[in-house]
N, C-alpha and C. Protein backbone atom coordinates (compact mmCIF):
# COMPACT_ATOMS: atom_id res chain seq x y z
N MET A 1 114.98 54.76 172.41
CA MET A 1 114.36 56.01 171.95
C MET A 1 115.03 56.49 170.65
N LYS A 2 116.38 56.40 170.61
CA LYS A 2 117.10 56.82 169.42
C LYS A 2 116.71 55.98 168.22
N LYS A 3 116.52 54.65 168.43
CA LYS A 3 116.11 53.76 167.35
C LYS A 3 114.75 54.17 166.82
N LEU A 4 113.85 54.52 167.75
CA LEU A 4 112.50 54.91 167.36
C LEU A 4 112.53 56.17 166.51
N VAL A 5 113.36 57.12 166.91
CA VAL A 5 113.48 58.37 166.15
C VAL A 5 114.05 58.09 164.77
N LEU A 6 115.08 57.20 164.73
CA LEU A 6 115.71 56.86 163.45
C LEU A 6 114.72 56.19 162.51
N ILE A 7 113.94 55.25 163.06
CA ILE A 7 112.94 54.54 162.24
C ILE A 7 111.90 55.52 161.71
N SER A 8 111.45 56.42 162.57
CA SER A 8 110.45 57.42 162.16
C SER A 8 110.99 58.31 161.05
N THR A 9 112.28 58.67 161.20
CA THR A 9 112.90 59.52 160.18
C THR A 9 112.99 58.79 158.84
N LEU A 10 113.37 57.51 158.89
CA LEU A 10 113.48 56.71 157.66
C LEU A 10 112.12 56.55 156.99
N ILE A 11 111.09 56.31 157.79
CA ILE A 11 109.73 56.17 157.23
C ILE A 11 109.31 57.45 156.54
N ALA A 12 109.57 58.58 157.18
CA ALA A 12 109.21 59.88 156.59
C ALA A 12 109.98 60.12 155.30
N SER A 13 111.26 59.70 155.30
CA SER A 13 112.08 59.90 154.10
C SER A 13 111.57 59.07 152.95
N PHE A 14 111.25 57.79 153.20
CA PHE A 14 110.74 56.92 152.15
C PHE A 14 109.39 57.39 151.65
N ALA A 15 108.58 57.91 152.56
CA ALA A 15 107.27 58.44 152.15
C ALA A 15 107.46 59.61 151.21
N GLY A 16 108.46 60.45 151.53
CA GLY A 16 108.75 61.59 150.65
C GLY A 16 109.24 61.14 149.29
N LEU A 17 110.05 60.07 149.26
CA LEU A 17 110.54 59.57 147.98
C LEU A 17 109.41 59.04 147.12
N SER A 18 108.46 58.32 147.76
CA SER A 18 107.36 57.76 146.99
C SER A 18 106.46 58.87 146.47
N ALA A 19 106.35 59.95 147.25
CA ALA A 19 105.47 61.04 146.82
C ALA A 19 106.06 61.79 145.63
N PHE A 20 107.41 61.81 145.57
CA PHE A 20 108.04 62.57 144.50
C PHE A 20 108.79 61.64 143.54
N GLY A 21 108.35 60.39 143.48
CA GLY A 21 109.03 59.42 142.64
C GLY A 21 108.75 59.57 141.16
N GLN A 22 107.66 60.25 140.79
CA GLN A 22 107.37 60.49 139.39
C GLN A 22 106.81 61.89 139.21
N GLY A 23 106.84 62.34 137.97
CA GLY A 23 106.34 63.67 137.70
C GLY A 23 104.82 63.72 137.73
N TYR A 24 104.30 64.91 137.99
CA TYR A 24 102.85 65.14 138.01
C TYR A 24 102.48 66.04 136.83
N PHE A 25 101.30 65.81 136.28
CA PHE A 25 100.86 66.49 135.07
C PHE A 25 99.43 66.98 135.24
N GLN A 26 99.07 67.98 134.46
CA GLN A 26 97.69 68.46 134.40
C GLN A 26 97.23 68.37 132.95
N PHE A 27 96.40 67.39 132.66
CA PHE A 27 95.92 67.18 131.30
C PHE A 27 94.61 67.95 131.14
N ALA A 28 94.75 69.24 130.87
CA ALA A 28 93.58 70.12 130.75
C ALA A 28 93.91 71.23 129.77
N THR A 29 92.88 71.70 129.06
CA THR A 29 93.04 72.81 128.12
C THR A 29 91.82 73.71 128.18
N ALA A 30 91.95 74.85 127.53
CA ALA A 30 90.80 75.75 127.40
C ALA A 30 89.85 75.22 126.33
N LYS A 31 88.69 75.84 126.20
CA LYS A 31 87.72 75.43 125.19
C LYS A 31 88.28 75.65 123.79
N SER A 32 87.64 75.01 122.82
CA SER A 32 88.03 75.11 121.40
C SER A 32 89.47 74.67 121.18
N SER A 33 89.88 73.61 121.87
CA SER A 33 91.22 73.06 121.69
C SER A 33 91.20 71.86 120.75
N VAL A 34 90.09 71.12 120.73
CA VAL A 34 89.97 69.91 119.91
C VAL A 34 88.85 70.09 118.90
N TYR A 35 89.15 69.83 117.62
CA TYR A 35 88.17 69.94 116.54
C TYR A 35 87.97 68.57 115.90
N ASP A 36 86.75 68.32 115.44
CA ASP A 36 86.43 67.04 114.81
C ASP A 36 86.09 67.26 113.34
N GLY A 37 86.91 66.70 112.45
CA GLY A 37 86.66 66.82 111.02
C GLY A 37 86.24 65.50 110.41
N SER A 38 85.64 64.62 111.21
CA SER A 38 85.22 63.32 110.70
C SER A 38 84.09 63.43 109.68
N GLY A 39 83.32 64.52 109.78
CA GLY A 39 82.19 64.71 108.86
C GLY A 39 82.58 65.56 107.66
N ALA A 40 81.58 66.20 107.08
CA ALA A 40 81.82 67.01 105.88
C ALA A 40 82.56 68.30 106.19
N SER A 41 82.44 68.78 107.42
CA SER A 41 83.14 70.02 107.80
C SER A 41 83.67 69.87 109.22
N ALA A 42 84.69 70.66 109.54
CA ALA A 42 85.30 70.60 110.87
C ALA A 42 84.56 71.53 111.82
N ALA A 43 84.40 71.07 113.06
CA ALA A 43 83.76 71.87 114.09
C ALA A 43 84.38 71.51 115.43
N VAL A 44 84.16 72.35 116.42
CA VAL A 44 84.68 72.06 117.76
C VAL A 44 84.18 70.69 118.19
N ALA A 45 85.08 69.86 118.67
CA ALA A 45 84.72 68.49 119.03
C ALA A 45 83.78 68.47 120.23
N GLY A 46 82.85 67.56 120.20
CA GLY A 46 81.99 67.33 121.35
C GLY A 46 82.47 66.12 122.11
N THR A 47 81.56 65.44 122.78
CA THR A 47 81.93 64.29 123.60
C THR A 47 82.15 63.03 122.78
N GLY A 48 82.07 63.12 121.45
CA GLY A 48 82.32 61.96 120.60
C GLY A 48 83.79 61.74 120.29
N VAL A 49 84.65 62.57 120.86
CA VAL A 49 86.10 62.45 120.65
C VAL A 49 86.78 62.21 121.99
N ASP A 50 87.62 61.18 122.05
CA ASP A 50 88.43 60.94 123.24
C ASP A 50 89.85 61.44 122.99
N VAL A 51 90.54 61.81 124.07
CA VAL A 51 91.89 62.34 123.95
C VAL A 51 92.83 61.65 124.94
N ALA A 52 94.10 61.62 124.56
CA ALA A 52 95.18 61.11 125.41
C ALA A 52 96.43 61.89 125.03
N PHE A 53 97.55 61.62 125.70
CA PHE A 53 98.78 62.27 125.25
C PHE A 53 99.97 61.33 125.44
N LEU A 54 101.01 61.59 124.66
CA LEU A 54 102.22 60.77 124.68
C LEU A 54 103.40 61.63 125.16
N TRP A 55 104.39 60.97 125.74
CA TRP A 55 105.56 61.68 126.27
C TRP A 55 106.85 60.99 125.83
N ALA A 56 107.91 61.79 125.78
CA ALA A 56 109.25 61.29 125.46
C ALA A 56 110.27 62.25 126.06
N ALA A 57 111.53 61.93 125.90
CA ALA A 57 112.58 62.84 126.37
C ALA A 57 112.45 64.19 125.68
N ASN A 58 112.81 65.24 126.39
CA ASN A 58 112.69 66.58 125.83
C ASN A 58 113.53 66.72 124.56
N GLY A 59 112.92 67.21 123.50
CA GLY A 59 113.62 67.38 122.24
C GLY A 59 113.35 66.29 121.23
N ASP A 60 112.76 65.17 121.65
CA ASP A 60 112.43 64.11 120.69
C ASP A 60 111.32 64.57 119.75
N VAL A 61 111.31 64.02 118.54
CA VAL A 61 110.32 64.38 117.52
C VAL A 61 109.43 63.17 117.25
N PRO A 62 108.11 63.32 117.33
CA PRO A 62 107.21 62.18 117.09
C PRO A 62 107.32 61.66 115.65
N SER A 63 107.22 60.35 115.50
CA SER A 63 107.27 59.75 114.16
C SER A 63 106.14 60.26 113.28
N VAL A 64 104.99 60.54 113.88
CA VAL A 64 103.84 60.99 113.09
C VAL A 64 104.06 62.36 112.47
N ASP A 65 105.11 63.05 112.91
CA ASP A 65 105.44 64.34 112.30
C ASP A 65 105.82 64.18 110.83
N SER A 66 106.18 62.96 110.42
CA SER A 66 106.51 62.73 109.02
C SER A 66 105.28 62.88 108.13
N ILE A 67 104.10 62.80 108.75
CA ILE A 67 102.84 63.04 108.01
C ILE A 67 102.47 64.51 108.10
N LEU A 68 102.36 65.01 109.32
CA LEU A 68 102.08 66.42 109.59
C LEU A 68 102.64 66.76 110.97
N ALA A 69 103.08 68.00 111.13
CA ALA A 69 103.53 68.43 112.45
C ALA A 69 102.37 68.48 113.43
N SER A 70 101.19 68.79 112.92
CA SER A 70 99.95 68.72 113.69
C SER A 70 98.80 68.76 112.70
N VAL A 71 97.64 68.26 113.10
CA VAL A 71 96.47 68.26 112.22
C VAL A 71 95.76 69.61 112.37
N PRO A 72 95.58 70.35 111.28
CA PRO A 72 94.89 71.64 111.37
C PRO A 72 93.48 71.50 111.92
N THR A 73 93.02 72.51 112.60
CA THR A 73 91.66 72.48 113.14
C THR A 73 90.61 72.49 112.03
N THR A 74 91.01 72.84 110.82
CA THR A 74 90.07 72.89 109.69
C THR A 74 90.06 71.61 108.87
N ALA A 75 90.92 70.64 109.22
CA ALA A 75 91.04 69.42 108.42
C ALA A 75 89.77 68.57 108.50
N THR A 76 89.43 67.93 107.40
CA THR A 76 88.32 66.97 107.36
C THR A 76 88.84 65.68 106.73
N SER A 77 88.05 64.64 106.84
CA SER A 77 88.44 63.36 106.26
C SER A 77 88.55 63.44 104.74
N ALA A 78 87.79 64.35 104.15
CA ALA A 78 87.82 64.51 102.70
C ALA A 78 89.03 65.31 102.23
N SER A 79 89.56 66.18 103.11
CA SER A 79 90.63 67.08 102.67
C SER A 79 91.99 66.75 103.27
N SER A 80 92.07 65.73 104.10
CA SER A 80 93.30 65.51 104.86
C SER A 80 94.49 65.07 104.00
N GLY A 81 94.27 64.19 103.01
CA GLY A 81 95.37 63.76 102.16
C GLY A 81 96.23 62.65 102.75
N TRP A 82 95.89 62.15 103.92
CA TRP A 82 96.62 61.03 104.52
C TRP A 82 95.61 60.08 105.15
N THR A 83 96.00 58.84 105.34
CA THR A 83 95.06 57.86 105.88
C THR A 83 95.15 57.77 107.39
N ALA A 84 94.02 57.48 108.00
CA ALA A 84 94.01 57.28 109.45
C ALA A 84 94.90 56.12 109.84
N ALA A 85 94.93 55.08 109.02
CA ALA A 85 95.74 53.89 109.33
C ALA A 85 97.22 54.23 109.41
N SER A 86 97.70 55.06 108.48
CA SER A 86 99.13 55.41 108.49
C SER A 86 99.47 56.25 109.73
N ALA A 87 98.54 57.11 110.14
CA ALA A 87 98.78 57.93 111.33
C ALA A 87 98.81 57.06 112.59
N TRP A 88 97.87 56.14 112.71
CA TRP A 88 97.85 55.25 113.87
C TRP A 88 99.12 54.42 113.95
N THR A 89 99.59 53.93 112.81
CA THR A 89 100.82 53.14 112.79
C THR A 89 101.99 53.96 113.31
N ALA A 90 102.10 55.21 112.86
CA ALA A 90 103.20 56.08 113.30
C ALA A 90 103.10 56.41 114.78
N ILE A 91 101.89 56.63 115.27
CA ILE A 91 101.70 57.01 116.67
C ILE A 91 101.99 55.84 117.62
N LEU A 92 101.38 54.69 117.34
CA LEU A 92 101.46 53.57 118.28
C LEU A 92 102.75 52.75 118.16
N ASN A 93 103.51 52.95 117.09
CA ASN A 93 104.76 52.22 116.92
C ASN A 93 105.99 53.11 117.07
N ASP A 94 105.78 54.30 117.60
CA ASP A 94 106.89 55.23 117.82
C ASP A 94 107.80 54.65 118.91
N PRO A 95 109.09 54.47 118.64
CA PRO A 95 109.98 53.86 119.64
C PRO A 95 110.30 54.76 120.83
N ASN A 96 110.05 56.06 120.70
CA ASN A 96 110.43 56.99 121.76
C ASN A 96 109.26 57.51 122.59
N PHE A 97 108.09 57.60 121.99
CA PHE A 97 106.94 58.18 122.68
C PHE A 97 106.04 57.10 123.29
N HIS A 98 105.55 57.40 124.49
CA HIS A 98 104.74 56.45 125.24
C HIS A 98 103.43 57.11 125.66
N LEU A 99 102.34 56.37 125.57
CA LEU A 99 101.07 56.89 126.07
C LEU A 99 101.17 57.10 127.57
N MET A 100 100.74 58.26 128.03
CA MET A 100 100.83 58.57 129.46
C MET A 100 99.80 57.76 130.25
N VAL A 101 100.27 57.26 131.39
CA VAL A 101 99.38 56.54 132.31
C VAL A 101 99.23 57.34 133.59
N ASN A 102 98.24 56.97 134.37
CA ASN A 102 98.03 57.56 135.69
C ASN A 102 98.47 56.51 136.71
N SER A 103 99.66 56.68 137.26
CA SER A 103 100.18 55.67 138.19
C SER A 103 99.38 55.64 139.48
N GLY A 104 98.62 56.70 139.75
CA GLY A 104 97.76 56.71 140.93
C GLY A 104 96.46 55.97 140.72
N SER A 105 96.21 55.53 139.48
CA SER A 105 94.99 54.76 139.17
C SER A 105 95.35 53.43 138.51
N GLY A 106 96.34 52.76 139.09
CA GLY A 106 96.72 51.46 138.60
C GLY A 106 97.32 51.46 137.22
N ASN A 107 97.99 52.56 136.86
CA ASN A 107 98.62 52.70 135.54
C ASN A 107 97.62 52.65 134.39
N ALA A 108 96.42 53.10 134.66
CA ALA A 108 95.43 53.23 133.59
C ALA A 108 95.85 54.35 132.66
N LEU A 109 95.57 54.19 131.36
CA LEU A 109 95.90 55.25 130.42
C LEU A 109 95.15 56.53 130.77
N ALA A 110 95.83 57.65 130.64
CA ALA A 110 95.20 58.95 130.92
C ALA A 110 94.36 59.36 129.71
N ILE A 111 93.11 58.91 129.69
CA ILE A 111 92.18 59.15 128.58
C ILE A 111 90.94 59.83 129.12
N THR A 112 90.43 60.79 128.36
CA THR A 112 89.19 61.46 128.77
C THR A 112 88.46 61.96 127.53
N PRO A 113 87.14 62.06 127.58
CA PRO A 113 86.41 62.63 126.44
C PRO A 113 86.66 64.13 126.34
N SER A 114 86.67 64.63 125.12
CA SER A 114 86.62 66.08 124.93
C SER A 114 85.30 66.58 125.49
N THR A 115 85.31 67.77 126.06
CA THR A 115 84.05 68.31 126.59
C THR A 115 83.18 68.84 125.44
N ALA A 116 81.99 69.26 125.75
CA ALA A 116 81.06 69.75 124.73
C ALA A 116 81.56 71.00 124.03
N VAL A 117 82.54 71.69 124.61
CA VAL A 117 83.08 72.90 123.99
C VAL A 117 84.51 72.69 123.48
N GLY A 118 84.90 71.42 123.30
CA GLY A 118 86.21 71.13 122.75
C GLY A 118 87.37 71.35 123.70
N ALA A 119 87.11 71.25 125.00
CA ALA A 119 88.18 71.38 125.99
C ALA A 119 88.59 70.00 126.49
N ILE A 120 89.69 69.95 127.23
CA ILE A 120 90.16 68.72 127.86
C ILE A 120 90.17 68.96 129.37
N ASN A 121 89.63 67.99 130.13
CA ASN A 121 89.51 68.19 131.58
C ASN A 121 89.71 66.86 132.30
N TYR A 122 90.85 66.22 132.06
CA TYR A 122 91.12 64.92 132.68
C TYR A 122 91.27 65.08 134.19
N ALA A 123 90.70 64.14 134.93
CA ALA A 123 90.79 64.11 136.40
C ALA A 123 90.33 65.43 137.02
N GLY A 124 89.30 66.01 136.41
CA GLY A 124 88.76 67.26 136.93
C GLY A 124 89.69 68.43 136.80
N GLY A 125 90.71 68.29 135.94
CA GLY A 125 91.65 69.39 135.74
C GLY A 125 92.74 69.47 136.79
N GLY A 126 92.82 68.46 137.68
CA GLY A 126 93.82 68.49 138.74
C GLY A 126 95.09 67.76 138.37
N LEU A 127 96.10 67.88 139.21
CA LEU A 127 97.35 67.17 139.01
C LEU A 127 97.15 65.67 139.19
N PHE A 128 97.87 64.87 138.41
CA PHE A 128 97.84 63.42 138.61
C PHE A 128 99.25 62.88 138.44
N ALA A 129 99.52 61.77 139.11
CA ALA A 129 100.85 61.16 139.06
C ALA A 129 101.00 60.43 137.74
N GLY A 130 101.97 60.86 136.93
CA GLY A 130 102.16 60.27 135.62
C GLY A 130 102.97 58.98 135.66
N ASP A 131 103.48 58.61 134.51
CA ASP A 131 104.30 57.41 134.37
C ASP A 131 105.40 57.39 135.42
N ALA A 132 105.65 56.23 136.01
CA ALA A 132 106.66 56.12 137.06
C ALA A 132 108.06 56.45 136.56
N LEU A 133 108.27 56.42 135.24
CA LEU A 133 109.59 56.73 134.68
C LEU A 133 109.82 58.23 134.52
N THR A 134 108.78 59.02 134.76
CA THR A 134 108.95 60.48 134.68
C THR A 134 109.42 61.03 136.02
N THR A 135 110.04 62.19 135.98
CA THR A 135 110.64 62.80 137.16
C THR A 135 110.12 64.22 137.33
N PRO A 136 109.79 64.62 138.56
CA PRO A 136 109.32 66.00 138.76
C PRO A 136 110.39 67.02 138.42
N LEU A 137 109.94 68.19 138.02
CA LEU A 137 110.80 69.32 137.68
C LEU A 137 111.73 68.99 136.52
N THR A 138 111.25 68.12 135.62
CA THR A 138 112.01 67.72 134.44
C THR A 138 111.15 67.98 133.21
N ALA A 139 111.77 68.50 132.15
CA ALA A 139 111.04 68.81 130.92
C ALA A 139 110.94 67.58 130.03
N TYR A 140 109.78 67.41 129.41
CA TYR A 140 109.53 66.32 128.46
C TYR A 140 108.88 66.90 127.21
N THR A 141 109.00 66.18 126.11
CA THR A 141 108.23 66.53 124.92
C THR A 141 106.93 65.74 124.94
N LEU A 142 105.82 66.45 124.77
CA LEU A 142 104.50 65.82 124.76
C LEU A 142 103.79 66.15 123.46
N PHE A 143 102.81 65.33 123.08
CA PHE A 143 101.83 65.74 122.09
C PHE A 143 100.52 65.03 122.39
N ILE A 144 99.44 65.72 122.06
CA ILE A 144 98.09 65.23 122.38
C ILE A 144 97.50 64.55 121.15
N ILE A 145 96.77 63.46 121.36
CA ILE A 145 96.04 62.82 120.26
C ILE A 145 94.56 62.78 120.59
N GLY A 146 93.73 62.72 119.55
CA GLY A 146 92.30 62.57 119.73
C GLY A 146 91.75 61.68 118.64
N TRP A 147 90.65 60.99 118.91
CA TRP A 147 90.07 60.09 117.91
C TRP A 147 88.56 60.02 118.09
N ASN A 148 87.89 59.70 117.00
CA ASN A 148 86.44 59.52 117.02
C ASN A 148 86.12 58.18 117.67
N THR A 149 85.27 58.19 118.68
CA THR A 149 85.01 56.98 119.45
C THR A 149 83.90 56.10 118.87
N ALA A 150 83.32 56.50 117.74
CA ALA A 150 82.23 55.73 117.12
C ALA A 150 81.12 55.45 118.12
N GLY A 151 80.65 56.52 118.73
CA GLY A 151 79.53 56.38 119.67
C GLY A 151 79.93 55.85 121.03
N GLY A 152 81.20 55.99 121.38
CA GLY A 152 81.65 55.56 122.71
C GLY A 152 82.15 54.14 122.78
N THR A 153 82.30 53.48 121.63
CA THR A 153 82.77 52.08 121.64
C THR A 153 84.28 51.96 121.54
N LEU A 154 84.94 52.95 120.97
CA LEU A 154 86.39 52.90 120.78
C LEU A 154 87.05 53.71 121.90
N THR A 155 87.20 53.09 123.05
CA THR A 155 87.59 53.82 124.25
C THR A 155 89.09 53.86 124.51
N THR A 156 89.89 53.19 123.68
CA THR A 156 91.34 53.22 123.83
C THR A 156 91.98 53.44 122.46
N PRO A 157 93.22 53.94 122.42
CA PRO A 157 93.90 54.08 121.13
C PRO A 157 94.02 52.75 120.38
N ALA A 158 94.23 51.65 121.09
CA ALA A 158 94.36 50.34 120.43
C ALA A 158 93.07 49.96 119.72
N LEU A 159 91.94 50.16 120.39
CA LEU A 159 90.65 49.85 119.77
C LEU A 159 90.39 50.77 118.59
N ALA A 160 90.71 52.05 118.75
CA ALA A 160 90.49 53.02 117.68
C ALA A 160 91.36 52.69 116.47
N ALA A 161 92.61 52.31 116.72
CA ALA A 161 93.51 51.96 115.61
C ALA A 161 93.02 50.72 114.88
N ALA A 162 92.56 49.73 115.63
CA ALA A 162 92.07 48.49 115.02
C ALA A 162 90.85 48.75 114.15
N ALA A 163 90.05 49.75 114.55
CA ALA A 163 88.85 50.09 113.78
C ALA A 163 89.13 51.15 112.72
N ASN A 164 90.39 51.59 112.62
CA ASN A 164 90.77 52.60 111.62
C ASN A 164 90.01 53.91 111.83
N ALA A 165 89.83 54.29 113.09
CA ALA A 165 89.08 55.51 113.41
C ALA A 165 89.84 56.76 113.02
N THR A 166 89.12 57.81 112.67
CA THR A 166 89.77 59.08 112.38
C THR A 166 90.54 59.55 113.61
N VAL A 167 91.70 60.16 113.38
CA VAL A 167 92.60 60.53 114.47
C VAL A 167 93.25 61.86 114.18
N GLY A 168 93.64 62.56 115.22
CA GLY A 168 94.36 63.82 115.05
C GLY A 168 95.38 63.98 116.16
N TRP A 169 96.29 64.94 115.99
CA TRP A 169 97.33 65.15 116.98
C TRP A 169 97.79 66.59 116.96
N SER A 170 98.28 67.03 118.11
CA SER A 170 98.79 68.39 118.23
C SER A 170 100.25 68.43 117.83
N ALA A 171 100.77 69.62 117.69
CA ALA A 171 102.22 69.78 117.51
C ALA A 171 102.91 69.39 118.82
N PRO A 172 104.12 68.85 118.75
CA PRO A 172 104.83 68.52 120.00
C PRO A 172 105.20 69.79 120.76
N PHE A 173 105.24 69.68 122.07
CA PHE A 173 105.58 70.83 122.89
C PHE A 173 106.32 70.37 124.14
N SER A 174 107.08 71.29 124.72
CA SER A 174 107.83 70.98 125.94
C SER A 174 106.96 71.24 127.16
N TYR A 175 107.02 70.33 128.13
CA TYR A 175 106.21 70.44 129.34
C TYR A 175 107.06 69.98 130.51
N THR A 176 107.12 70.78 131.56
CA THR A 176 107.89 70.42 132.75
C THR A 176 106.97 69.78 133.79
N ALA A 177 107.28 68.54 134.14
CA ALA A 177 106.48 67.82 135.13
C ALA A 177 106.58 68.52 136.48
N ASN A 178 105.48 68.47 137.22
CA ASN A 178 105.40 69.14 138.51
C ASN A 178 105.67 68.16 139.65
N GLN A 179 105.72 68.68 140.85
CA GLN A 179 105.70 67.86 142.04
C GLN A 179 104.25 67.60 142.42
N SER A 180 104.04 66.82 143.48
CA SER A 180 102.67 66.47 143.84
C SER A 180 101.88 67.66 144.35
N THR A 181 102.58 68.70 144.74
CA THR A 181 101.92 69.94 145.15
C THR A 181 102.50 71.08 144.33
N GLY A 182 101.75 72.11 144.18
CA GLY A 182 102.24 73.26 143.41
C GLY A 182 101.18 73.73 142.43
N THR A 183 101.53 74.75 141.69
CA THR A 183 100.59 75.33 140.74
C THR A 183 100.52 74.45 139.49
N PRO A 184 99.34 73.92 139.16
CA PRO A 184 99.22 73.07 137.96
C PRO A 184 99.55 73.84 136.69
N VAL A 185 100.12 73.14 135.72
CA VAL A 185 100.41 73.72 134.42
C VAL A 185 99.57 72.97 133.38
N ASN A 186 98.61 73.66 132.78
CA ASN A 186 97.75 72.97 131.81
C ASN A 186 98.42 72.93 130.44
N MET A 187 97.70 72.35 129.48
CA MET A 187 98.26 72.15 128.14
C MET A 187 97.55 72.99 127.09
N SER A 188 97.00 74.11 127.48
CA SER A 188 96.32 74.99 126.53
C SER A 188 97.31 75.54 125.51
N GLY A 189 96.77 75.94 124.35
CA GLY A 189 97.60 76.53 123.31
C GLY A 189 98.09 75.54 122.28
N HIS A 190 97.51 74.33 122.27
CA HIS A 190 97.96 73.31 121.33
C HIS A 190 96.74 72.71 120.61
N GLN A 191 96.02 73.55 119.88
CA GLN A 191 94.81 73.11 119.20
C GLN A 191 95.13 72.16 118.05
N PHE A 192 94.21 71.25 117.77
CA PHE A 192 94.39 70.33 116.66
C PHE A 192 93.04 69.77 116.22
N GLY A 193 93.04 69.17 115.04
CA GLY A 193 91.82 68.56 114.51
C GLY A 193 91.93 67.05 114.44
N VAL A 194 90.78 66.40 114.28
CA VAL A 194 90.70 64.95 114.12
C VAL A 194 90.18 64.67 112.71
N ALA A 195 90.96 63.96 111.90
CA ALA A 195 90.56 63.70 110.52
C ALA A 195 91.27 62.43 110.03
N GLY A 196 91.48 62.33 108.73
CA GLY A 196 92.14 61.16 108.16
C GLY A 196 91.23 60.41 107.21
N ILE A 197 91.77 60.01 106.08
CA ILE A 197 90.98 59.28 105.09
C ILE A 197 90.79 57.84 105.54
N ILE A 198 89.56 57.38 105.48
CA ILE A 198 89.24 55.99 105.78
C ILE A 198 88.67 55.36 104.52
N PRO A 199 89.33 54.35 103.93
CA PRO A 199 88.82 53.73 102.70
C PRO A 199 87.43 53.13 102.91
N GLU A 200 86.60 53.27 101.89
CA GLU A 200 85.28 52.64 101.95
C GLU A 200 85.45 51.13 101.99
N PRO A 201 84.54 50.40 102.66
CA PRO A 201 84.63 48.94 102.71
C PRO A 201 84.72 48.31 101.33
N THR A 202 83.98 48.87 100.34
CA THR A 202 84.02 48.31 98.99
C THR A 202 85.39 48.48 98.36
N THR A 203 86.04 49.62 98.66
CA THR A 203 87.38 49.87 98.14
C THR A 203 88.37 48.86 98.70
N MET A 204 88.27 48.61 100.01
CA MET A 204 89.17 47.65 100.64
C MET A 204 88.91 46.24 100.11
N ALA A 205 87.64 45.92 99.88
CA ALA A 205 87.30 44.60 99.35
C ALA A 205 87.87 44.42 97.95
N LEU A 206 87.75 45.46 97.11
CA LEU A 206 88.29 45.38 95.75
C LEU A 206 89.81 45.24 95.77
N ALA A 207 90.45 45.97 96.70
CA ALA A 207 91.90 45.87 96.83
C ALA A 207 92.31 44.45 97.21
N GLY A 208 91.53 43.85 98.11
CA GLY A 208 91.81 42.48 98.52
C GLY A 208 91.64 41.50 97.38
N LEU A 209 90.58 41.68 96.59
CA LEU A 209 90.35 40.81 95.43
C LEU A 209 91.46 40.96 94.40
N GLY A 210 91.90 42.22 94.23
CA GLY A 210 93.00 42.46 93.28
C GLY A 210 94.26 41.74 93.71
N GLY A 211 94.54 41.77 95.02
CA GLY A 211 95.71 41.08 95.54
C GLY A 211 95.63 39.58 95.33
N LEU A 212 94.44 39.02 95.55
CA LEU A 212 94.25 37.58 95.34
C LEU A 212 94.44 37.21 93.88
N ALA A 213 93.94 38.09 92.97
CA ALA A 213 94.08 37.82 91.54
C ALA A 213 95.55 37.80 91.13
N LEU A 214 96.34 38.74 91.68
CA LEU A 214 97.77 38.78 91.37
C LEU A 214 98.49 37.53 91.86
N LEU A 215 98.09 37.06 93.05
CA LEU A 215 98.69 35.83 93.57
C LEU A 215 98.38 34.64 92.69
N ALA A 216 97.13 34.58 92.20
CA ALA A 216 96.71 33.48 91.35
C ALA A 216 97.49 33.48 90.04
N ILE A 217 97.72 34.67 89.47
CA ILE A 217 98.48 34.78 88.21
C ILE A 217 99.91 34.34 88.43
N ARG A 218 100.50 34.75 89.55
CA ARG A 218 101.88 34.36 89.82
C ARG A 218 102.03 32.85 89.96
N ARG A 219 101.03 32.25 90.64
CA ARG A 219 101.10 30.81 90.84
C ARG A 219 101.01 30.05 89.51
N ARG A 220 100.17 30.56 88.58
CA ARG A 220 100.02 29.91 87.29
C ARG A 220 101.31 29.98 86.47
N LYS A 221 102.02 31.13 86.64
CA LYS A 221 103.28 31.28 85.93
C LYS A 221 104.32 30.31 86.50
């Protein structure tokens, strides 16, 4: 009987450890949080923009901050002054920040479309189990990114970066991970726009031809 009680206690303890083995997050915001400046003017993003967020130790600064601390909600591709390619490089090659996954969904990236009113409502606005390396009741630095999905075809940051899609990001902010139960903490108050200069195909082609011409001249010398 004592063995049975001991085994039951151990099972309950391990179950508790697995339940609280990683931090929980609420990836949700109020309306008018995401703006799309891919066109001639910036407006509240609709469902043509997907969003995700990255995390790091509390106090870390994202590499993309070297371009801007955050993309203004009024930014457009014509007025941004920086290229989408340079922003994607900084975001996806940051040694400290990691795209958040949902460990309760097979470690799928926590990605969701912006709603029709520019809000974020991942997993119905409920808590979800984040990266297994995160810990409940611990503060992390987060920042949100968004990108134009080109009609729903660019469904991940990797695909969007490869296609040089317009991208935006919020200012970094501190967020304390929750336990599996408790009052959710959303990410409202971190508005940002999606923009970035994308070279015209003809411009890129001319640049490529120019590079080939320089190589040819060097070889002749």
